[in-house]
Each structure stands twice: as structure tokens, then as C-alpha cells.
N, C-alpha and C. Protein backbone atom coordinates (compact mmCIF):
# COMPACT_ATOMS: atom_id res chain seq x y z
N MET A 1 0.85 -1.19 0.00
CA MET A 1 0.00 0.00 0.00
C MET A 1 0.89 1.24 0.00
N SER A 2 0.55 2.22 -0.82
CA SER A 2 1.35 3.43 -0.90
C SER A 2 0.90 4.42 0.17
N GLU A 3 1.81 5.35 0.49
CA GLU A 3 1.49 6.38 1.47
C GLU A 3 0.46 7.32 0.89
N ARG A 4 -0.35 7.89 1.77
CA ARG A 4 -1.34 8.85 1.27
C ARG A 4 -0.64 10.12 0.83
N GLY A 5 -1.34 10.90 0.02
CA GLY A 5 -0.76 12.12 -0.50
C GLY A 5 -0.41 13.11 0.60
N MET A 6 0.57 13.89 0.32
CA MET A 6 1.07 14.89 1.26
C MET A 6 0.21 16.15 1.19
N GLN A 7 0.07 16.83 2.30
CA GLN A 7 -0.64 18.10 2.29
C GLN A 7 0.15 19.11 1.47
N GLU A 8 -0.56 20.04 0.85
CA GLU A 8 0.09 20.98 -0.06
C GLU A 8 1.21 21.77 0.62
N LEU A 9 0.99 22.27 1.82
CA LEU A 9 2.02 23.08 2.46
C LEU A 9 3.28 22.26 2.71
N ALA A 10 3.13 21.03 3.17
CA ALA A 10 4.29 20.17 3.40
C ALA A 10 5.05 19.94 2.09
N LEU A 11 4.32 19.68 1.02
CA LEU A 11 4.94 19.48 -0.30
C LEU A 11 5.71 20.74 -0.72
N LEU A 12 5.11 21.88 -0.52
CA LEU A 12 5.75 23.14 -0.90
C LEU A 12 7.00 23.42 -0.06
N LEU A 13 6.96 23.09 1.22
CA LEU A 13 8.12 23.31 2.08
C LEU A 13 9.27 22.41 1.66
N LEU A 14 8.97 21.14 1.39
CA LEU A 14 10.03 20.24 0.93
C LEU A 14 10.58 20.70 -0.41
N THR A 15 9.71 21.17 -1.28
CA THR A 15 10.16 21.68 -2.59
C THR A 15 11.06 22.91 -2.40
N ALA A 16 10.70 23.77 -1.47
CA ALA A 16 11.51 24.97 -1.21
C ALA A 16 12.90 24.61 -0.69
N LEU A 17 13.02 23.46 -0.05
CA LEU A 17 14.31 23.03 0.50
C LEU A 17 15.07 22.08 -0.42
N ALA A 18 14.49 21.74 -1.55
CA ALA A 18 15.08 20.73 -2.44
C ALA A 18 16.43 21.13 -2.99
N ASN A 19 16.63 22.40 -3.25
CA ASN A 19 17.90 22.80 -3.88
C ASN A 19 18.85 23.53 -2.94
N ALA A 20 18.39 23.86 -1.72
CA ALA A 20 19.29 24.56 -0.78
C ALA A 20 18.64 24.64 0.59
N PRO A 21 19.45 24.59 1.65
CA PRO A 21 18.92 24.82 3.00
C PRO A 21 18.45 26.28 3.11
N ARG A 22 17.45 26.50 3.95
CA ARG A 22 16.92 27.85 4.13
C ARG A 22 16.39 28.03 5.55
N HIS A 23 16.34 29.27 6.00
CA HIS A 23 15.69 29.58 7.28
C HIS A 23 14.22 29.87 7.00
N GLY A 24 13.43 29.95 8.06
CA GLY A 24 11.98 30.06 7.94
C GLY A 24 11.48 31.14 7.00
N TYR A 25 11.96 32.37 7.17
CA TYR A 25 11.48 33.46 6.32
C TYR A 25 11.83 33.19 4.85
N ALA A 26 13.04 32.68 4.60
CA ALA A 26 13.44 32.38 3.23
C ALA A 26 12.60 31.25 2.64
N ILE A 27 12.21 30.29 3.48
CA ILE A 27 11.33 29.21 3.01
C ILE A 27 9.99 29.80 2.59
N ALA A 28 9.43 30.67 3.41
CA ALA A 28 8.14 31.30 3.09
C ALA A 28 8.23 32.07 1.78
N GLN A 29 9.32 32.80 1.59
CA GLN A 29 9.50 33.56 0.34
C GLN A 29 9.64 32.63 -0.86
N GLU A 30 10.33 31.52 -0.67
CA GLU A 30 10.51 30.55 -1.76
C GLU A 30 9.17 29.90 -2.13
N VAL A 31 8.33 29.62 -1.13
CA VAL A 31 6.99 29.07 -1.39
C VAL A 31 6.19 30.06 -2.23
N LYS A 32 6.31 31.33 -1.90
CA LYS A 32 5.65 32.37 -2.68
C LYS A 32 6.10 32.33 -4.14
N VAL A 33 7.39 32.18 -4.35
CA VAL A 33 7.94 32.12 -5.71
C VAL A 33 7.44 30.86 -6.43
N ILE A 34 7.54 29.72 -5.76
CA ILE A 34 7.13 28.44 -6.35
C ILE A 34 5.68 28.49 -6.82
N THR A 35 4.82 29.12 -6.02
CA THR A 35 3.39 29.15 -6.33
C THR A 35 2.96 30.41 -7.05
N ASP A 36 3.91 31.21 -7.50
CA ASP A 36 3.61 32.47 -8.18
C ASP A 36 2.68 33.35 -7.35
N GLY A 37 2.93 33.35 -6.03
CA GLY A 37 2.17 34.21 -5.12
C GLY A 37 0.86 33.64 -4.65
N ARG A 38 0.49 32.46 -5.13
CA ARG A 38 -0.79 31.85 -4.75
C ARG A 38 -0.81 31.43 -3.29
N VAL A 39 0.33 30.98 -2.76
CA VAL A 39 0.41 30.54 -1.37
C VAL A 39 1.45 31.39 -0.64
N VAL A 40 0.99 32.02 0.43
CA VAL A 40 1.87 32.80 1.31
C VAL A 40 1.63 32.25 2.72
N PRO A 41 2.52 31.34 3.16
CA PRO A 41 2.26 30.70 4.45
C PRO A 41 2.31 31.67 5.62
N ARG A 42 1.33 31.56 6.50
CA ARG A 42 1.34 32.36 7.73
C ARG A 42 2.37 31.76 8.67
N THR A 43 2.90 32.57 9.53
CA THR A 43 3.98 32.15 10.43
C THR A 43 3.62 30.91 11.22
N GLY A 44 2.45 30.89 11.84
CA GLY A 44 2.03 29.74 12.65
C GLY A 44 1.93 28.46 11.83
N ALA A 45 1.35 28.56 10.65
CA ALA A 45 1.21 27.38 9.78
C ALA A 45 2.58 26.91 9.29
N LEU A 46 3.43 27.87 8.95
CA LEU A 46 4.77 27.54 8.45
C LEU A 46 5.56 26.76 9.50
N TYR A 47 5.65 27.32 10.71
CA TYR A 47 6.47 26.67 11.73
C TYR A 47 5.81 25.40 12.27
N GLY A 48 4.50 25.34 12.27
CA GLY A 48 3.81 24.10 12.65
C GLY A 48 4.13 22.99 11.66
N ALA A 49 4.10 23.31 10.37
CA ALA A 49 4.42 22.32 9.34
C ALA A 49 5.89 21.94 9.40
N LEU A 50 6.79 22.90 9.63
CA LEU A 50 8.21 22.59 9.75
C LEU A 50 8.45 21.65 10.94
N ASP A 51 7.77 21.91 12.05
CA ASP A 51 7.91 21.03 13.22
C ASP A 51 7.45 19.61 12.90
N ARG A 52 6.35 19.47 12.16
CA ARG A 52 5.86 18.13 11.78
C ARG A 52 6.86 17.43 10.86
N LEU A 53 7.42 18.18 9.91
CA LEU A 53 8.41 17.60 9.00
C LEU A 53 9.67 17.19 9.76
N LEU A 54 10.05 17.95 10.77
CA LEU A 54 11.18 17.58 11.64
C LEU A 54 10.88 16.28 12.37
N GLU A 55 9.68 16.19 12.96
CA GLU A 55 9.27 14.98 13.69
C GLU A 55 9.26 13.76 12.79
N GLU A 56 8.88 13.93 11.54
CA GLU A 56 8.82 12.82 10.58
C GLU A 56 10.20 12.47 10.03
N GLY A 57 11.20 13.28 10.32
CA GLY A 57 12.55 13.02 9.84
C GLY A 57 12.76 13.40 8.38
N LEU A 58 11.87 14.23 7.83
CA LEU A 58 11.98 14.63 6.43
C LEU A 58 12.88 15.85 6.25
N ILE A 59 13.02 16.63 7.31
CA ILE A 59 13.95 17.77 7.32
C ILE A 59 14.73 17.72 8.61
N GLU A 60 15.81 18.50 8.66
CA GLU A 60 16.62 18.60 9.87
C GLU A 60 17.05 20.04 10.03
N VAL A 61 17.42 20.39 11.25
CA VAL A 61 17.99 21.72 11.50
C VAL A 61 19.46 21.62 11.15
N GLN A 62 19.86 22.39 10.15
CA GLN A 62 21.25 22.36 9.71
C GLN A 62 22.12 23.25 10.59
N SER A 63 21.56 24.39 10.98
CA SER A 63 22.30 25.29 11.87
C SER A 63 21.32 26.16 12.63
N GLU A 64 21.82 26.75 13.68
CA GLU A 64 21.01 27.65 14.50
C GLU A 64 21.89 28.81 14.93
N GLU A 65 21.39 30.02 14.77
CA GLU A 65 22.15 31.20 15.17
C GLU A 65 21.20 32.23 15.75
N VAL A 66 21.75 33.19 16.44
CA VAL A 66 20.94 34.27 17.01
C VAL A 66 21.15 35.50 16.14
N VAL A 67 20.05 36.01 15.61
CA VAL A 67 20.08 37.19 14.76
C VAL A 67 19.10 38.21 15.35
N GLY A 68 19.61 39.36 15.71
CA GLY A 68 18.75 40.40 16.29
C GLY A 68 18.08 39.94 17.57
N GLY A 69 18.78 39.12 18.35
CA GLY A 69 18.21 38.65 19.61
C GLY A 69 17.25 37.48 19.47
N ARG A 70 17.06 37.00 18.25
CA ARG A 70 16.13 35.88 18.02
C ARG A 70 16.88 34.71 17.40
N ALA A 71 16.48 33.52 17.83
CA ALA A 71 17.09 32.31 17.26
C ALA A 71 16.57 32.13 15.84
N ARG A 72 17.49 31.79 14.94
CA ARG A 72 17.10 31.52 13.56
C ARG A 72 17.68 30.16 13.18
N ARG A 73 16.77 29.25 12.83
CA ARG A 73 17.19 27.91 12.43
C ARG A 73 17.19 27.81 10.91
N THR A 74 18.18 27.14 10.40
CA THR A 74 18.26 26.85 8.96
C THR A 74 17.93 25.38 8.79
N PHE A 75 16.97 25.11 7.91
CA PHE A 75 16.47 23.75 7.69
C PHE A 75 17.02 23.19 6.39
N ALA A 76 17.18 21.87 6.36
CA ALA A 76 17.65 21.19 5.15
C ALA A 76 16.87 19.88 5.01
N LEU A 77 16.73 19.42 3.78
CA LEU A 77 16.11 18.12 3.53
C LEU A 77 17.03 17.01 4.03
N THR A 78 16.43 15.96 4.56
CA THR A 78 17.18 14.75 4.88
C THR A 78 17.10 13.83 3.66
N ALA A 79 17.83 12.74 3.69
CA ALA A 79 17.73 11.76 2.60
C ALA A 79 16.30 11.24 2.50
N SER A 80 15.66 11.01 3.64
CA SER A 80 14.26 10.56 3.64
C SER A 80 13.33 11.61 3.04
N GLY A 81 13.61 12.87 3.34
CA GLY A 81 12.81 13.96 2.79
C GLY A 81 12.94 14.04 1.29
N ARG A 82 14.15 13.87 0.80
CA ARG A 82 14.40 13.90 -0.64
C ARG A 82 13.66 12.75 -1.33
N GLU A 83 13.72 11.55 -0.74
CA GLU A 83 13.01 10.39 -1.29
C GLU A 83 11.51 10.61 -1.28
N ARG A 84 10.99 11.13 -0.17
CA ARG A 84 9.55 11.36 -0.06
C ARG A 84 9.08 12.42 -1.06
N LEU A 85 9.87 13.48 -1.24
CA LEU A 85 9.52 14.52 -2.20
C LEU A 85 9.50 13.95 -3.61
N ALA A 86 10.50 13.14 -3.94
CA ALA A 86 10.55 12.53 -5.28
C ALA A 86 9.35 11.62 -5.51
N ALA A 87 8.99 10.83 -4.51
CA ALA A 87 7.84 9.93 -4.63
C ALA A 87 6.54 10.72 -4.78
N GLU A 88 6.42 11.79 -4.02
CA GLU A 88 5.21 12.62 -4.10
C GLU A 88 5.12 13.33 -5.46
N ALA A 89 6.25 13.81 -5.95
CA ALA A 89 6.26 14.46 -7.27
C ALA A 89 5.84 13.47 -8.35
N GLU A 90 6.32 12.25 -8.27
CA GLU A 90 5.95 11.22 -9.25
C GLU A 90 4.46 10.87 -9.14
N ARG A 91 3.95 10.76 -7.91
CA ARG A 91 2.53 10.46 -7.71
C ARG A 91 1.65 11.55 -8.33
N LEU A 92 2.02 12.80 -8.09
CA LEU A 92 1.26 13.91 -8.65
C LEU A 92 1.36 13.96 -10.17
N ALA A 93 2.54 13.69 -10.71
CA ALA A 93 2.73 13.68 -12.16
C ALA A 93 1.89 12.57 -12.80
N ALA A 94 1.84 11.40 -12.16
CA ALA A 94 1.04 10.29 -12.69
C ALA A 94 -0.45 10.65 -12.69
N THR A 95 -0.89 11.31 -11.64
CA THR A 95 -2.29 11.73 -11.57
C THR A 95 -2.59 12.76 -12.65
N ALA A 96 -1.68 13.71 -12.85
CA ALA A 96 -1.86 14.73 -13.89
C ALA A 96 -1.89 14.09 -15.28
N ARG A 97 -1.01 13.12 -15.52
CA ARG A 97 -1.01 12.43 -16.83
C ARG A 97 -2.34 11.73 -17.06
N GLU A 98 -2.85 11.08 -16.02
CA GLU A 98 -4.14 10.37 -16.16
C GLU A 98 -5.28 11.36 -16.40
N ALA A 99 -5.25 12.48 -15.72
CA ALA A 99 -6.28 13.50 -15.93
C ALA A 99 -6.26 13.98 -17.38
N MET A 100 -5.06 14.26 -17.90
CA MET A 100 -4.94 14.71 -19.28
C MET A 100 -5.40 13.63 -20.26
N ARG A 101 -5.04 12.38 -19.99
CA ARG A 101 -5.46 11.28 -20.86
C ARG A 101 -6.98 11.19 -20.91
N ARG A 102 -7.63 11.31 -19.77
CA ARG A 102 -9.09 11.22 -19.72
C ARG A 102 -9.74 12.42 -20.40
N LEU A 103 -9.16 13.60 -20.22
CA LEU A 103 -9.69 14.77 -20.89
C LEU A 103 -9.60 14.61 -22.40
N GLU A 104 -8.47 14.14 -22.88
CA GLU A 104 -8.28 13.94 -24.31
C GLU A 104 -9.21 12.86 -24.84
N ALA A 105 -9.41 11.80 -24.07
CA ALA A 105 -10.32 10.71 -24.47
C ALA A 105 -11.76 11.18 -24.53
N GLY A 106 -12.07 12.18 -23.72
CA GLY A 106 -13.42 12.73 -23.69
C GLY A 106 -13.67 13.75 -24.77
N GLY A 107 -12.67 14.00 -25.61
CA GLY A 107 -12.84 14.93 -26.72
C GLY A 107 -12.66 16.39 -26.34
N ALA A 108 -12.20 16.63 -25.14
CA ALA A 108 -12.00 18.03 -24.73
C ALA A 108 -10.73 18.57 -25.36
N ALA A 109 -10.79 19.82 -25.75
CA ALA A 109 -9.57 20.47 -26.24
C ALA A 109 -8.70 20.77 -25.03
N VAL A 110 -7.49 20.24 -25.02
CA VAL A 110 -6.62 20.39 -23.88
C VAL A 110 -5.38 21.17 -24.28
N THR A 111 -5.07 22.21 -23.53
CA THR A 111 -3.83 22.95 -23.74
C THR A 111 -3.02 22.85 -22.47
N ALA A 112 -1.75 22.60 -22.61
CA ALA A 112 -0.89 22.44 -21.42
C ALA A 112 -0.33 23.76 -20.97
């Protein structure tokens, strides 16, 4: 049995960390870029999701420093996180391919 699909915010956070470690604010900005401004994570949701991903072992704290009197953690994907992101990307791509196949079979004009 395959794992159930990942929530969108978790998928976006892992995607934001796929090419480089980032701190929380930079992750939020990267999510904004990835989604062309469609998703702007609120602070509580962002850090709640990061905490869950940490608990699941999909990300890790790469470093921690104090900036302006506040602790700033930099997060990075773990090997498990990279594997899970790749599996989720493939699952979503397969679903999208099937949706397009069915649309085309139904005679709908489809533009990608």
C-alpha cells in the first residue's frame, strides 16, 4: 500500500528546500515564488508544518544562530525527505497524466 498524498504546504516546504537549505522566512518567500504568489504561508502554519516535518525526519535543523536577539534555524532536507519529495512528485505527475489522458479521451480540447 502506498502512502497517502502529502498536504500541499508540506509538499511546498520540501520543494523549497530541495535545492538549498533555508531559514523560515526564506522558506516562506521561496513558497511564494514556487506558487507564483498563490500561497503565502502564515507564520504559525509555516512553523507548525516545519515542526511536523522535523518529527517525521523529512527535514533537519542544519544550523542555528541568534540574529537580532532571536534564534534563527536553517532547515535542510534529509535523505528521507528527498526520497519522499521525489515519490510525491511522481505520484502527482502520474495523476496529472491520467487526468490529461481522460480529458483527451473525452474529446475536450486540452492545452498544457
